[in-house]
Protein backbone atom coordinates (compact mmCIF):
# COMPACT_ATOMS: atom_id res chain seq x y z
CA MET A 1 11.97 -6.31 -25.21
CA ARG A 2 8.54 -7.23 -26.37
CA ALA A 3 7.56 -9.36 -29.28
CA GLU A 4 4.53 -8.36 -31.25
CA ARG A 5 2.14 -11.11 -32.18
CA ARG A 6 -1.00 -11.03 -34.16
CA SER A 7 -4.14 -11.17 -32.13
CA PRO A 8 -7.01 -13.40 -33.27
CA ALA A 9 -8.87 -10.27 -34.33
CA GLU A 10 -6.26 -9.47 -36.99
CA GLY A 11 -6.94 -12.70 -38.80
CA THR A 12 -10.59 -11.72 -39.20
CA GLY A 13 -9.83 -8.49 -41.00
CA GLN A 14 -9.86 -5.97 -38.14
CA ALA A 15 -6.87 -3.74 -38.75
CA GLY A 16 -4.73 -1.96 -36.20
CA THR A 17 -5.04 -4.34 -33.25
CA ARG A 18 -1.78 -5.84 -32.03
CA ALA A 19 -1.02 -7.52 -28.74
CA ALA A 20 2.38 -7.22 -27.07
CA TYR A 21 3.75 -10.07 -25.00
CA PRO A 22 6.90 -9.94 -22.88
CA LEU A 23 9.76 -12.16 -24.05
CA VAL A 24 11.14 -12.63 -20.55
CA ARG A 25 9.31 -13.09 -17.28
CA ILE A 26 10.30 -10.40 -14.79
CA TYR A 27 10.69 -11.45 -11.17
CA ARG A 28 10.60 -9.01 -8.33
CA THR A 29 13.44 -8.94 -5.86
CA SER A 30 11.21 -7.66 -3.06
CA PRO A 31 8.03 -9.16 -1.60
CA SER A 32 4.90 -8.07 -3.45
CA PRO A 33 3.05 -5.39 -1.42
CA TYR A 34 6.22 -4.65 0.54
CA GLN A 35 8.39 -2.84 -1.98
CA LEU A 36 10.31 -0.12 -0.16
CA THR A 37 13.62 -0.69 1.59
CA MET A 38 14.59 0.77 4.94
CA ALA A 39 16.81 3.35 3.22
CA ALA A 40 13.97 4.45 0.93
CA VAL A 41 11.47 4.82 3.79
CA ALA A 42 13.97 6.63 6.01
CA GLY A 43 14.90 8.96 3.16
CA ARG A 44 11.30 9.74 2.21
CA SER A 45 10.24 10.33 5.79
CA GLY A 46 13.33 12.32 6.78
CA LEU A 47 14.01 10.13 9.84
CA PRO A 48 17.03 8.07 10.77
CA PRO A 49 16.73 4.33 10.03
CA GLU A 50 17.04 3.54 13.74
CA LEU A 51 13.85 5.46 14.50
CA VAL A 52 12.03 3.79 11.61
CA SER A 53 13.05 0.36 12.94
CA ARG A 54 11.84 1.43 16.40
CA PHE A 55 8.45 2.29 14.87
CA VAL A 56 8.37 -1.21 13.38
CA ALA A 57 9.26 -2.78 16.73
CA LEU A 58 6.48 -0.79 18.43
CA GLY A 59 3.97 -1.85 15.76
CA LEU A 60 3.36 1.68 14.53
CA VAL A 61 4.48 0.88 10.96
CA ASP A 62 3.93 -2.40 9.12
CA ALA A 63 6.97 -4.12 7.64
CA GLU A 64 8.01 -7.59 6.64
CA ARG A 65 11.38 -9.29 6.98
CA ASP A 66 12.86 -11.29 4.15
CA ALA A 67 15.12 -14.35 4.49
CA ARG A 68 18.17 -12.14 5.05
CA GLY A 69 16.47 -10.19 7.83
CA ARG A 70 16.04 -6.99 5.84
CA LEU A 71 12.89 -4.96 6.38
CA TRP A 72 10.55 -4.26 3.47
CA PHE A 73 7.80 -1.65 3.69
CA ARG A 74 4.59 -0.95 1.84
CA PRO A 75 4.50 2.17 -0.34
CA SER A 76 2.19 3.78 2.25
CA ALA A 77 4.82 3.53 5.02
CA PRO A 78 6.14 7.11 4.70
CA SER A 79 2.62 8.50 5.12
CA ALA A 80 2.07 6.24 8.15
CA ILE A 81 5.30 7.55 9.65
CA ALA A 82 4.20 11.13 8.97
CA ARG A 83 0.94 10.36 10.76
CA VAL A 84 2.84 9.06 13.79
CA GLN A 85 5.05 12.14 13.80
CA ARG A 86 2.03 14.48 13.57
CA LEU A 87 0.35 12.75 16.51
CA ARG A 88 3.53 12.91 18.58
CA ASP A 89 4.20 16.57 17.79
CA GLY A 90 0.60 17.81 17.81
CA LEU A 91 -0.77 15.93 20.81
CA CYS A 92 2.45 15.28 22.75
CA LEU A 93 1.66 11.57 23.03
CA ASN A 94 4.13 8.83 23.79
CA TYR A 95 4.57 6.03 21.26
CA ALA A 96 2.42 3.55 23.21
CA ALA A 97 -0.48 6.01 23.21
CA ILE A 98 0.09 6.74 19.52
CA GLY A 99 -0.39 3.04 18.78
CA VAL A 100 -3.79 3.11 20.48
CA VAL A 101 -4.80 6.34 18.72
CA VAL A 102 -3.73 4.99 15.30
CA ASP A 103 -5.71 1.79 15.87
CA LEU A 104 -8.79 3.81 16.85
CA LEU A 105 -8.44 6.13 13.86
CA ASP A 106 -8.15 3.14 11.52
CA ARG A 107 -11.23 1.56 13.06
CA ILE A 108 -13.20 4.80 12.71
CA GLU A 109 -12.16 5.00 9.05
CA ARG A 110 -13.35 1.43 8.39
CA LEU A 111 -16.67 2.11 10.14
CA GLU A 112 -17.23 5.33 8.19
CA THR A 113 -16.47 3.51 4.94
CA ALA A 114 -18.95 0.77 5.80
CA LEU A 115 -21.56 3.38 6.74
CA ARG A 116 -21.12 5.26 3.46
CA ARG A 117 -21.34 1.98 1.55
CA SER A 118 -24.57 0.98 3.31
CA GLU A 119 -26.08 4.46 2.80
CA ARG A 120 -25.22 4.26 -0.90
CA ALA A 121 -26.79 0.81 -1.15
CA ALA A 122 -29.93 2.04 0.61
CA LYS A 123 -30.34 4.92 -1.88
CA GLU A 124 -30.07 2.68 -4.92
CA PRO A 125 -33.43 1.46 -6.16
CA THR A 126 -33.84 -2.26 -6.12
CA THR A 127 -34.96 -3.72 -9.40
CA TRP A 128 -36.52 -7.13 -9.34
CA THR A 129 -36.69 -9.02 -12.54
């Protein structure tokens, strides 16, 4: 349901430009970056909801509770759960050790990103005007 209105450009003789504006404001029922429900995350990751909530309690997966106490997850939660499962299966680590390893891997990723950014900035010629 969108209403078409003329843009200011149409009044000046430019043909073919139309802007569409929504008639009704759409409100989300879930918090903004946290859009996946427990059922969705459990289904996408192939794990029971109890194990997913245990990962949240251990701090291995980020989630937010709403006013009713329901958990909401970011869209990246299934990949974070897959990462935890790979570390547990591949390295035979317990969940406490996985938390430390995940934190270290995230820190390494941030440092590598900062290093690439600084290397890119150093290669760019500086132009003074």
